[in-house]
Amino acid sequence: MNTLLPAIADAAFDRLKSVLDNLGATPPQVLLLEGGSEAQRLDAARYWAARINCPQAEASGAPCLTCPVCMQIAAGEHLDLAAYDGRISNREDEENPGPVRAFNMERVRELKVRLRDAPHGQGRRVVILMGLSLTRDEASNALLKALEEPSSTTVFVLLAPQREQLLPTLVSRSFCLTLPWPDSRADDEDMRPWEDALAQFLVQGQGFFDRVAAKGAIDAAGATRLLLCCQKAMSRTLSDRHDPARPLDAALAGLRGKARAVACQWFAEAQDALNYGVTPARILEALAARLFALRRMAGQS
């Protein structure tokens, strides 16, 4: 088994790779990869970059994952690969520049200049964009204009846990593929009491704050697991596979339309806050309060 891209080395991703291999003959200008974990989405994007840049891929239909081009892409260091993350602050971007840069207006301007030049290799330039939000800011508007301009030398890859976390105008321009959710067939039974407590709060507005505020009740790892449970429940709801007998599924099913997209965005923001070391209890309290208010507004609309 080739482990150059370890996050997608499992056999569960063989079908996804096959689809990407087939798409490589006529690459869509914008590919959206949703589902899976963050590491799996990024490795899938790099596999896609290897598929359309590996010197052997044109003949074999798949990247070799052993040549210098594939190795540079897997490390995020290839000259025809650019990656941007909307969650990276401008200060962090300036003080600790790496292969993934901040997504801001300055970087978008630099990218648009770069797109005027031909790729360094024989393939296509690949631009990976992650951490984008539902907010229409200057950088997002400039990105939309770039996506509207057909290019035979550049392709874009959008990464998101769920497509509902992106601007609909971005999604409408994309060829969408869904990665397997991590442990999608397994329930986290240890988190079921937390799921049920959150669901009860979303319906009744009681109980959850006392539970989460108890000393040592939940740590960052537990909060991450609860957020994953929320994302899975929302994924089942979005695909009309929710289980009415599961309280959290039933509670989230009460959201409709844009409210579901907003909730998806809040799950991602809560995970980002955990990554930055914010107290888990405060994060979960804020998320629960926002979801409770969102459900009430959805019920009144």
C-alpha atoms as a PDB file:
ATOM      1  CA  MET A   1       0.000   0.000   0.000  1.00  0.00           C
ATOM      2  CA  ASN A   2       1.410   3.425  -0.946  1.00  0.00           C
ATOM      3  CA  THR A   3       1.446   5.715   2.087  1.00  0.00           C
ATOM      4  CA  LEU A   4       2.549   8.948   0.412  1.00  0.00           C
ATOM      5  CA  LEU A   5      -0.924  10.324   1.220  1.00  0.00           C
ATOM      6  CA  PRO A   6      -1.697   8.332   4.402  1.00  0.00           C
ATOM      7  CA  ALA A   7      -5.035   9.940   5.255  1.00  0.00           C
ATOM      8  CA  ILE A   8      -6.644   8.363   2.169  1.00  0.00           C
ATOM      9  CA  ALA A   9      -4.593   5.162   2.011  1.00  0.00           C
ATOM     10  CA  ASP A  10      -7.499   3.068   3.343  1.00  0.00           C
ATOM     11  CA  ALA A  11      -9.493   0.961   0.885  1.00  0.00           C
ATOM     12  CA  ALA A  12     -12.556   3.070   1.723  1.00  0.00           C
ATOM     13  CA  PHE A  13     -11.079   5.776  -0.513  1.00  0.00           C
ATOM     14  CA  ASP A  14     -10.407   3.553  -3.533  1.00  0.00           C
ATOM     15  CA  ARG A  15     -13.675   4.569  -5.204  1.00  0.00           C
ATOM     16  CA  LEU A  16     -12.958   8.261  -4.651  1.00  0.00           C
ATOM     17  CA  LYS A  17      -9.515   7.894  -6.201  1.00  0.00           C
ATOM     18  CA  SER A  18     -11.030   6.063  -9.157  1.00  0.00           C
ATOM     19  CA  VAL A  19     -13.463   8.928  -9.731  1.00  0.00           C
ATOM     20  CA  LEU A  20     -10.634  11.464  -9.510  1.00  0.00           C
ATOM     21  CA  ASP A  21      -8.565   9.388 -11.932  1.00  0.00           C
ATOM     22  CA  ASN A  22     -11.414   9.411 -14.447  1.00  0.00           C
ATOM     23  CA  LEU A  23     -12.005  13.149 -13.996  1.00  0.00           C
ATOM     24  CA  GLY A  24      -8.341  13.765 -14.700  1.00  0.00           C
ATOM     25  CA  ALA A  25      -8.885  13.293 -18.434  1.00  0.00           C
ATOM     26  CA  THR A  26     -11.072  16.425 -18.535  1.00  0.00           C
ATOM     27  CA  PRO A  27     -10.626  18.220 -15.188  1.00  0.00           C
ATOM     28  CA  PRO A  28     -13.468  20.465 -13.996  1.00  0.00           C
ATOM     29  CA  GLN A  29     -12.320  23.987 -13.279  1.00  0.00           C
ATOM     30  CA  VAL A  30     -13.702  23.824  -9.732  1.00  0.00           C
ATOM     31  CA  LEU A  31     -13.816  20.626  -7.666  1.00  0.00           C
ATOM     32  CA  LEU A  32     -15.480  20.610  -4.246  1.00  0.00           C
ATOM     33  CA  LEU A  33     -14.477  17.906  -1.759  1.00  0.00           C
ATOM     34  CA  GLU A  34     -16.729  17.561   1.291  1.00  0.00           C
ATOM     35  CA  GLY A  35     -17.062  15.001   4.063  1.00  0.00           C
ATOM     36  CA  GLY A  36     -14.261  13.023   5.664  1.00  0.00           C
ATOM     37  CA  SER A  37     -11.796  14.592   8.066  1.00  0.00           C
ATOM     38  CA  GLU A  38      -9.732  17.690   7.398  1.00  0.00           C
ATOM     39  CA  ALA A  39      -6.613  15.578   6.781  1.00  0.00           C
ATOM     40  CA  GLN A  40      -8.516  13.313   4.381  1.00  0.00           C
ATOM     41  CA  ARG A  41      -9.895  16.254   2.396  1.00  0.00           C
ATOM     42  CA  LEU A  42      -6.425  17.779   2.082  1.00  0.00           C
ATOM     43  CA  ASP A  43      -4.818  14.490   1.019  1.00  0.00           C
ATOM     44  CA  ALA A  44      -7.624  13.932  -1.504  1.00  0.00           C
ATOM     45  CA  ALA A  45      -6.960  17.413  -2.928  1.00  0.00           C
ATOM     46  CA  ARG A  46      -3.261  16.607  -3.213  1.00  0.00           C
ATOM     47  CA  TYR A  47      -4.073  13.290  -4.882  1.00  0.00           C
ATOM     48  CA  TRP A  48      -6.111  15.270  -7.414  1.00  0.00           C
ATOM     49  CA  ALA A  49      -3.173  17.628  -7.960  1.00  0.00           C
ATOM     50  CA  ALA A  50      -0.913  14.610  -8.515  1.00  0.00           C
ATOM     51  CA  ARG A  51      -3.405  13.088 -10.954  1.00  0.00           C
ATOM     52  CA  ILE A  52      -3.259  16.092 -13.269  1.00  0.00           C
ATOM     53  CA  ASN A  53       0.473  16.776 -12.877  1.00  0.00           C
ATOM     54  CA  CYS A  54       2.195  13.380 -12.546  1.00  0.00           C
ATOM     55  CA  PRO A  55       4.165  12.701 -15.763  1.00  0.00           C
ATOM     56  CA  GLN A  56       2.975   9.085 -15.776  1.00  0.00           C
ATOM     57  CA  ALA A  57      -0.712   9.790 -15.168  1.00  0.00           C
ATOM     58  CA  GLU A  58      -1.588  10.577 -18.779  1.00  0.00           C
ATOM     59  CA  ALA A  59      -0.545   7.095 -19.892  1.00  0.00           C
ATOM     60  CA  SER A  60      -1.601   5.101 -16.829  1.00  0.00           C
ATOM     61  CA  GLY A  61      -4.711   7.081 -15.856  1.00  0.00           C
ATOM     62  CA  ALA A  62      -3.515   7.460 -12.252  1.00  0.00           C
ATOM     63  CA  PRO A  63      -0.656   9.221 -10.446  1.00  0.00           C
ATOM     64  CA  CYS A  64       2.342   7.016  -9.654  1.00  0.00           C
ATOM     65  CA  LEU A  65       2.796   8.547  -6.154  1.00  0.00           C
ATOM     66  CA  THR A  66       6.516   7.765  -6.336  1.00  0.00           C
ATOM     67  CA  CYS A  67       8.014  10.337  -8.738  1.00  0.00           C
ATOM     68  CA  PRO A  68       9.495  13.699  -7.630  1.00  0.00           C
ATOM     69  CA  VAL A  69       6.383  15.573  -8.831  1.00  0.00           C
ATOM     70  CA  CYS A  70       4.032  13.432  -6.723  1.00  0.00           C
ATOM     71  CA  MET A  71       6.331  13.657  -3.710  1.00  0.00           C
ATOM     72  CA  GLN A  72       6.547  17.449  -3.943  1.00  0.00           C
ATOM     73  CA  ILE A  73       2.774  17.731  -4.251  1.00  0.00           C
ATOM     74  CA  ALA A  74       2.218  15.440  -1.248  1.00  0.00           C
ATOM     75  CA  ALA A  75       4.526  17.688   0.791  1.00  0.00           C
ATOM     76  CA  GLY A  76       2.703  20.810  -0.419  1.00  0.00           C
ATOM     77  CA  GLU A  77       5.893  22.124  -2.024  1.00  0.00           C
ATOM     78  CA  HIS A  78       5.256  21.842  -5.772  1.00  0.00           C
ATOM     79  CA  LEU A  79       5.553  25.101  -7.742  1.00  0.00           C
ATOM     80  CA  ASP A  80       2.183  24.521  -9.431  1.00  0.00           C
ATOM     81  CA  LEU A  81       0.352  23.938  -6.144  1.00  0.00           C
ATOM     82  CA  ALA A  82      -1.020  26.787  -4.020  1.00  0.00           C
ATOM     83  CA  ALA A  83      -3.101  26.437  -0.845  1.00  0.00           C
ATOM     84  CA  TYR A  84      -5.028  29.043   1.152  1.00  0.00           C
ATOM     85  CA  ASP A  85      -6.946  28.798   4.436  1.00  0.00           C
ATOM     86  CA  GLY A  86      -9.494  31.357   5.561  1.00  0.00           C
ATOM     87  CA  ARG A  87      -8.896  30.405   9.214  1.00  0.00           C
ATOM     88  CA  ILE A  88      -5.273  31.607   9.205  1.00  0.00           C
ATOM     89  CA  SER A  89      -4.985  35.130  10.594  1.00  0.00           C
ATOM     90  CA  ASN A  90      -3.085  37.817   8.727  1.00  0.00           C
ATOM     91  CA  ARG A  91      -0.616  38.108  11.598  1.00  0.00           C
ATOM     92  CA  GLU A  92       0.029  34.377  11.700  1.00  0.00           C
ATOM     93  CA  ASP A  93       0.466  34.374   7.929  1.00  0.00           C
ATOM     94  CA  GLU A  94       3.118  37.097   8.099  1.00  0.00           C
ATOM     95  CA  GLU A  95       4.981  35.741  11.122  1.00  0.00           C
ATOM     96  CA  ASN A  96       4.939  32.044  10.211  1.00  0.00           C
ATOM     97  CA  PRO A  97       4.515  31.697   6.431  1.00  0.00           C
ATOM     98  CA  GLY A  98       4.161  28.118   5.271  1.00  0.00           C
ATOM     99  CA  PRO A  99       2.890  26.119   2.295  1.00  0.00           C
ATOM    100  CA  VAL A 100      -0.686  27.066   3.269  1.00  0.00           C
ATOM    101  CA  ARG A 101      -1.259  30.831   3.317  1.00  0.00           C
ATOM    102  CA  ALA A 102      -4.034  33.002   4.698  1.00  0.00           C
ATOM    103  CA  PHE A 103      -7.009  33.681   2.456  1.00  0.00           C
ATOM    104  CA  ASN A 104      -7.232  37.445   2.342  1.00  0.00           C
ATOM    105  CA  MET A 105      -7.422  40.193  -0.262  1.00  0.00           C
ATOM    106  CA  GLU A 106      -3.654  40.539  -0.517  1.00  0.00           C
ATOM    107  CA  ARG A 107      -3.236  36.824  -1.222  1.00  0.00           C
ATOM    108  CA  VAL A 108      -6.078  36.876  -3.760  1.00  0.00           C
ATOM    109  CA  ARG A 109      -4.374  39.727  -5.630  1.00  0.00           C
ATOM    110  CA  GLU A 110      -1.106  37.772  -5.643  1.00  0.00           C
ATOM    111  CA  LEU A 111      -2.951  34.701  -6.887  1.00  0.00           C
ATOM    112  CA  LYS A 112      -4.626  36.573  -9.754  1.00  0.00           C
ATOM    113  CA  VAL A 113      -1.211  37.821 -10.914  1.00  0.00           C
ATOM    114  CA  ARG A 114       0.159  34.294 -10.650  1.00  0.00           C
ATOM    115  CA  LEU A 115      -2.693  32.896 -12.718  1.00  0.00           C
ATOM    116  CA  ARG A 116      -1.630  35.009 -15.670  1.00  0.00           C
ATOM    117  CA  ASP A 117       1.597  33.006 -15.972  1.00  0.00           C
ATOM    118  CA  ALA A 118       1.828  29.528 -17.459  1.00  0.00           C
ATOM    119  CA  PRO A 119       2.354  26.626 -15.033  1.00  0.00           C
ATOM    120  CA  HIS A 120       5.960  25.635 -14.353  1.00  0.00           C
ATOM    121  CA  GLY A 121       5.374  22.006 -15.341  1.00  0.00           C
ATOM    122  CA  GLN A 122       3.495  20.216 -18.111  1.00  0.00           C
ATOM    123  CA  GLY A 123       0.284  19.827 -16.096  1.00  0.00           C
ATOM    124  CA  ARG A 124      -2.016  22.421 -14.543  1.00  0.00           C
ATOM    125  CA  ARG A 125      -1.754  24.764 -11.624  1.00  0.00           C
ATOM    126  CA  VAL A 126      -3.903  23.579  -8.682  1.00  0.00           C
ATOM    127  CA  VAL A 127      -5.283  26.077  -6.152  1.00  0.00           C
ATOM    128  CA  ILE A 128      -6.613  24.575  -2.901  1.00  0.00           C
ATOM    129  CA  LEU A 129      -8.997  26.707  -0.841  1.00  0.00           C
ATOM    130  CA  MET A 130     -10.157  25.724   2.646  1.00  0.00           C
ATOM    131  CA  GLY A 131     -11.644  27.398   5.690  1.00  0.00           C
ATOM    132  CA  LEU A 132     -13.922  29.579   3.557  1.00  0.00           C
ATOM    133  CA  SER A 133     -17.052  31.000   5.176  1.00  0.00           C
ATOM    134  CA  LEU A 134     -20.545  32.078   4.206  1.00  0.00           C
ATOM    135  CA  THR A 135     -19.524  35.729   4.460  1.00  0.00           C
ATOM    136  CA  ARG A 136     -19.371  37.746   1.242  1.00  0.00           C
ATOM    137  CA  ASP A 137     -16.257  39.842   1.808  1.00  0.00           C
ATOM    138  CA  GLU A 138     -13.855  41.497  -0.617  1.00  0.00           C
ATOM    139  CA  ALA A 139     -11.643  38.420  -0.913  1.00  0.00           C
ATOM    140  CA  SER A 140     -14.632  36.129  -1.562  1.00  0.00           C
ATOM    141  CA  ASN A 141     -15.958  38.426  -4.269  1.00  0.00           C
ATOM    142  CA  ALA A 142     -12.546  38.519  -5.949  1.00  0.00           C
ATOM    143  CA  LEU A 143     -12.385  34.724  -5.772  1.00  0.00           C
ATOM    144  CA  LEU A 144     -15.796  34.412  -7.410  1.00  0.00           C
ATOM    145  CA  LYS A 145     -14.614  36.586 -10.279  1.00  0.00           C
ATOM    146  CA  ALA A 146     -11.530  34.381 -10.701  1.00  0.00           C
ATOM    147  CA  LEU A 147     -13.698  31.256 -10.820  1.00  0.00           C
ATOM    148  CA  GLU A 148     -15.894  32.821 -13.492  1.00  0.00           C
ATOM    149  CA  GLU A 149     -12.947  33.188 -15.859  1.00  0.00           C
ATOM    150  CA  PRO A 150     -12.389  29.868 -17.690  1.00  0.00           C
ATOM    151  CA  SER A 151      -8.785  28.698 -17.645  1.00  0.00           C
ATOM    152  CA  SER A 152      -7.065  25.851 -19.438  1.00  0.00           C
ATOM    153  CA  THR A 153      -4.066  26.022 -17.116  1.00  0.00           C
ATOM    154  CA  THR A 154      -5.580  26.279 -13.605  1.00  0.00           C
ATOM    155  CA  VAL A 155      -8.052  24.265 -11.543  1.00  0.00           C
ATOM    156  CA  PHE A 156      -9.454  25.081  -8.113  1.00  0.00           C
ATOM    157  CA  VAL A 157     -10.267  22.701  -5.252  1.00  0.00           C
ATOM    158  CA  LEU A 158     -12.646  23.782  -2.478  1.00  0.00           C
ATOM    159  CA  LEU A 159     -12.509  21.862   0.816  1.00  0.00           C
ATOM    160  CA  ALA A 160     -15.307  21.909   3.408  1.00  0.00           C
ATOM    161  CA  PRO A 161     -16.833  19.493   5.930  1.00  0.00           C
ATOM    162  CA  GLN A 162     -20.192  20.107   4.218  1.00  0.00           C
ATOM    163  CA  ARG A 163     -21.031  22.107   1.107  1.00  0.00           C
ATOM    164  CA  GLU A 164     -23.616  24.061   3.111  1.00  0.00           C
ATOM    165  CA  GLN A 165     -20.702  25.851   4.816  1.00  0.00           C
ATOM    166  CA  LEU A 166     -19.785  27.549   1.542  1.00  0.00           C
ATOM    167  CA  LEU A 167     -21.432  30.348  -0.389  1.00  0.00           C
ATOM    168  CA  PRO A 168     -24.086  28.846  -2.705  1.00  0.00           C
ATOM    169  CA  THR A 169     -22.471  30.695  -5.603  1.00  0.00           C
ATOM    170  CA  LEU A 170     -19.247  28.769  -4.984  1.00  0.00           C
ATOM    171  CA  VAL A 171     -21.064  25.441  -4.765  1.00  0.00           C
ATOM    172  CA  SER A 172     -22.983  26.123  -7.975  1.00  0.00           C
ATOM    173  CA  ARG A 173     -19.703  26.472  -9.870  1.00  0.00           C
ATOM    174  CA  SER A 174     -18.291  23.216  -8.515  1.00  0.00           C
ATOM    175  CA  PHE A 175     -18.185  19.523  -9.346  1.00  0.00           C
ATOM    176  CA  CYS A 176     -18.946  18.046  -5.909  1.00  0.00           C
ATOM    177  CA  LEU A 177     -17.574  14.812  -4.435  1.00  0.00           C
ATOM    178  CA  THR A 178     -18.273  13.498  -0.928  1.00  0.00           C
ATOM    179  CA  LEU A 179     -15.612  11.650   1.067  1.00  0.00           C
ATOM    180  CA  PRO A 180     -16.584   8.923   3.541  1.00  0.00           C
ATOM    181  CA  TRP A 181     -17.184  10.341   6.987  1.00  0.00           C
ATOM    182  CA  PRO A 182     -14.635   9.138   9.568  1.00  0.00           C
ATOM    183  CA  ASP A 183     -16.110   6.110  11.338  1.00  0.00           C
ATOM    184  CA  SER A 184     -19.376   6.927   9.599  1.00  0.00           C
ATOM    185  CA  ARG A 185     -20.833   3.480  10.313  1.00  0.00           C
ATOM    186  CA  ALA A 186     -19.911   3.527  14.008  1.00  0.00           C
ATOM    187  CA  ASP A 187     -21.768   5.442  16.700  1.00  0.00           C
ATOM    188  CA  ASP A 188     -19.813   6.977  19.565  1.00  0.00           C
ATOM    189  CA  GLU A 189     -21.889   5.369  22.284  1.00  0.00           C
ATOM    190  CA  ASP A 190     -19.905   7.058  25.059  1.00  0.00           C
ATOM    191  CA  MET A 191     -21.116  10.414  23.749  1.00  0.00           C
ATOM    192  CA  ARG A 192     -24.781   9.427  23.551  1.00  0.00           C
ATOM    193  CA  PRO A 193     -25.633  11.008  26.944  1.00  0.00           C
ATOM    194  CA  TRP A 194     -24.076  14.256  25.749  1.00  0.00           C
ATOM    195  CA  GLU A 195     -25.970  14.046  22.457  1.00  0.00           C
ATOM    196  CA  ASP A 196     -29.229  13.536  24.328  1.00  0.00           C
ATOM    197  CA  ALA A 197     -28.486  16.385  26.770  1.00  0.00           C
ATOM    198  CA  LEU A 198     -27.768  18.765  23.901  1.00  0.00           C
ATOM    199  CA  ALA A 199     -30.900  17.639  22.055  1.00  0.00           C
ATOM    200  CA  GLN A 200     -33.011  18.204  25.185  1.00  0.00           C
ATOM    201  CA  PHE A 201     -31.591  21.713  25.524  1.00  0.00           C
ATOM    202  CA  LEU A 202     -32.313  22.534  21.900  1.00  0.00           C
ATOM    203  CA  VAL A 203     -35.939  21.579  22.425  1.00  0.00           C
ATOM    204  CA  GLN A 204     -36.571  22.705  26.009  1.00  0.00           C
ATOM    205  CA  GLY A 205     -33.763  25.180  26.758  1.00  0.00           C
ATOM    206  CA  GLN A 206     -32.807  23.393  29.979  1.00  0.00           C
ATOM    207  CA  GLY A 207     -30.160  21.123  31.495  1.00  0.00           C
ATOM    208  CA  PHE A 208     -27.173  21.388  29.166  1.00  0.00           C
ATOM    209  CA  PHE A 209     -25.487  24.392  30.792  1.00  0.00           C
ATOM    210  CA  ASP A 210     -25.458  22.743  34.229  1.00  0.00           C
ATOM    211  CA  ARG A 211     -24.020  19.557  32.765  1.00  0.00           C
ATOM    212  CA  VAL A 212     -21.245  21.211  30.770  1.00  0.00           C
ATOM    213  CA  ALA A 213     -20.306  23.609  33.593  1.00  0.00           C
ATOM    214  CA  ALA A 214     -19.596  20.822  36.082  1.00  0.00           C
ATOM    215  CA  LYS A 215     -15.911  20.657  37.010  1.00  0.00           C
ATOM    216  CA  GLY A 216     -14.036  18.277  34.712  1.00  0.00           C
ATOM    217  CA  ALA A 217     -17.234  17.370  32.851  1.00  0.00           C
ATOM    218  CA  ILE A 218     -15.759  17.528  29.368  1.00  0.00           C
ATOM    219  CA  ASP A 219     -12.326  18.218  27.911  1.00  0.00           C
ATOM    220  CA  ALA A 220     -11.237  19.309  24.437  1.00  0.00           C
ATOM    221  CA  ALA A 221     -11.162  15.733  23.134  1.00  0.00           C
ATOM    222  CA  GLY A 222     -14.688  15.117  24.399  1.00  0.00           C
ATOM    223  CA  ALA A 223     -15.919  18.380  22.914  1.00  0.00           C
ATOM    224  CA  THR A 224     -14.392  17.407  19.563  1.00  0.00           C
ATOM    225  CA  ARG A 225     -16.185  14.063  19.694  1.00  0.00           C
ATOM    226  CA  LEU A 226     -19.486  15.798  20.474  1.00  0.00           C
ATOM    227  CA  LEU A 227     -18.998  18.187  17.548  1.00  0.00           C
ATOM    228  CA  LEU A 228     -18.366  15.206  15.270  1.00  0.00           C
ATOM    229  CA  CYS A 229     -21.617  13.656  16.532  1.00  0.00           C
ATOM    230  CA  CYS A 230     -23.378  16.910  15.639  1.00  0.00           C
ATOM    231  CA  GLN A 231     -21.843  16.937  12.167  1.00  0.00           C
ATOM    232  CA  LYS A 232     -22.874  13.331  11.560  1.00  0.00           C
ATOM    233  CA  ALA A 233     -26.416  14.053  12.739  1.00  0.00           C
ATOM    234  CA  MET A 234     -26.589  17.070  10.441  1.00  0.00           C
ATOM    235  CA  SER A 235     -25.164  15.014   7.567  1.00  0.00           C
ATOM    236  CA  ARG A 236     -27.939  12.454   8.064  1.00  0.00           C
ATOM    237  CA  THR A 237     -30.477  15.274   8.127  1.00  0.00           C
ATOM    238  CA  LEU A 238     -29.143  16.880   4.956  1.00  0.00           C
ATOM    239  CA  SER A 239     -29.308  13.563   3.114  1.00  0.00           C
ATOM    240  CA  ASP A 240     -32.800  12.756   4.490  1.00  0.00           C
ATOM    241  CA  ARG A 241     -31.437   9.786   6.447  1.00  0.00           C
ATOM    242  CA  HIS A 242     -32.015  11.155   9.941  1.00  0.00           C
ATOM    243  CA  ASP A 243     -33.402   8.836  12.592  1.00  0.00           C
ATOM    244  CA  PRO A 244     -36.434  10.400  14.335  1.00  0.00           C
ATOM    245  CA  ALA A 245     -35.816   8.086  17.292  1.00  0.00           C
ATOM    246  CA  ARG A 246     -32.461   9.790  17.957  1.00  0.00           C
ATOM    247  CA  PRO A 247     -33.114  13.007  19.898  1.00  0.00           C
ATOM    248  CA  LEU A 248     -30.233  14.960  18.310  1.00  0.00           C
ATOM    249  CA  ASP A 249     -31.295  13.954  14.790  1.00  0.00           C
ATOM    250  CA  ALA A 250     -34.854  15.035  15.562  1.00  0.00           C
ATOM    251  CA  ALA A 251     -33.724  18.344  17.068  1.00  0.00           C
ATOM    252  CA  LEU A 252     -31.501  19.277  14.122  1.00  0.00           C
ATOM    253  CA  ALA A 253     -34.169  18.174  11.650  1.00  0.00           C
ATOM    254  CA  GLY A 254     -36.197  21.106  12.972  1.00  0.00           C
ATOM    255  CA  LEU A 255     -33.840  23.437  11.114  1.00  0.00           C
ATOM    256  CA  ARG A 256     -34.668  24.297   7.527  1.00  0.00           C
ATOM    257  CA  GLY A 257     -32.932  25.855   4.534  1.00  0.00           C
ATOM    258  CA  LYS A 258     -30.386  28.524   5.408  1.00  0.00           C
ATOM    259  CA  ALA A 259     -30.634  27.639   9.107  1.00  0.00           C
ATOM    260  CA  ARG A 260     -28.947  24.300   8.381  1.00  0.00           C
ATOM    261  CA  ALA A 261     -26.131  26.042   6.525  1.00  0.00           C
ATOM    262  CA  VAL A 262     -25.652  28.423   9.457  1.00  0.00           C
ATOM    263  CA  ALA A 263     -25.534  25.507  11.910  1.00  0.00           C
ATOM    264  CA  CYS A 264     -22.899  23.756   9.788  1.00  0.00           C
ATOM    265  CA  GLN A 265     -20.813  26.925   9.870  1.00  0.00           C
ATOM    266  CA  TRP A 266     -21.128  27.133  13.648  1.00  0.00           C
ATOM    267  CA  PHE A 267     -19.916  23.538  14.069  1.00  0.00           C
ATOM    268  CA  ALA A 268     -16.793  24.421  12.076  1.00  0.00           C
ATOM    269  CA  GLU A 269     -16.253  27.628  14.065  1.00  0.00           C
ATOM    270  CA  ALA A 270     -16.579  25.712  17.341  1.00  0.00           C
ATOM    271  CA  GLN A 271     -13.940  23.232  16.201  1.00  0.00           C
ATOM    272  CA  ASP A 272     -11.651  26.104  15.199  1.00  0.00           C
ATOM    273  CA  ALA A 273     -12.089  27.644  18.654  1.00  0.00           C
ATOM    274  CA  LEU A 274     -11.124  24.325  20.241  1.00  0.00           C
ATOM    275  CA  ASN A 275      -8.026  24.179  18.060  1.00  0.00           C
ATOM    276  CA  TYR A 276      -7.036  27.618  19.342  1.00  0.00           C
ATOM    277  CA  GLY A 277      -7.359  26.524  22.973  1.00  0.00           C
ATOM    278  CA  VAL A 278     -10.626  28.185  23.984  1.00  0.00           C
ATOM    279  CA  THR A 279     -12.222  26.520  27.026  1.00  0.00           C
ATOM    280  CA  PRO A 280     -14.381  23.582  25.809  1.00  0.00           C
ATOM    281  CA  ALA A 281     -17.230  24.342  28.221  1.00  0.00           C
ATOM    282  CA  ARG A 282     -17.510  27.945  26.969  1.00  0.00           C
ATOM    283  CA  ILE A 283     -17.481  26.796  23.350  1.00  0.00           C
ATOM    284  CA  LEU A 284     -20.241  24.230  23.877  1.00  0.00           C
ATOM    285  CA  GLU A 285     -22.364  26.659  25.894  1.00  0.00           C
ATOM    286  CA  ALA A 286     -22.125  29.277  23.144  1.00  0.00           C
ATOM    287  CA  LEU A 287     -22.895  26.722  20.428  1.00  0.00           C
ATOM    288  CA  ALA A 288     -25.899  25.350  22.311  1.00  0.00           C
ATOM    289  CA  ALA A 289     -27.298  28.843  22.917  1.00  0.00           C
ATOM    290  CA  ARG A 290     -26.934  29.804  19.262  1.00  0.00           C
ATOM    291  CA  LEU A 291     -28.549  26.574  18.053  1.00  0.00           C
ATOM    292  CA  PHE A 292     -31.426  26.980  20.525  1.00  0.00           C
ATOM    293  CA  ALA A 293     -32.109  30.497  19.236  1.00  0.00           C
ATOM    294  CA  LEU A 294     -31.793  29.318  15.643  1.00  0.00           C
ATOM    295  CA  ARG A 295     -34.357  26.542  16.199  1.00  0.00           C
ATOM    296  CA  ARG A 296     -36.801  29.005  17.733  1.00  0.00           C
ATOM    297  CA  MET A 297     -36.396  31.399  14.807  1.00  0.00           C
ATOM    298  CA  ALA A 298     -36.807  28.518  12.328  1.00  0.00           C
ATOM    299  CA  GLY A 299     -39.992  27.455  14.092  1.00  0.00           C
ATOM    300  CA  GLN A 300     -41.436  30.952  13.882  1.00  0.00           C
ATOM    301  CA  SER A 301     -40.598  31.493  10.189  1.00  0.00           C
END
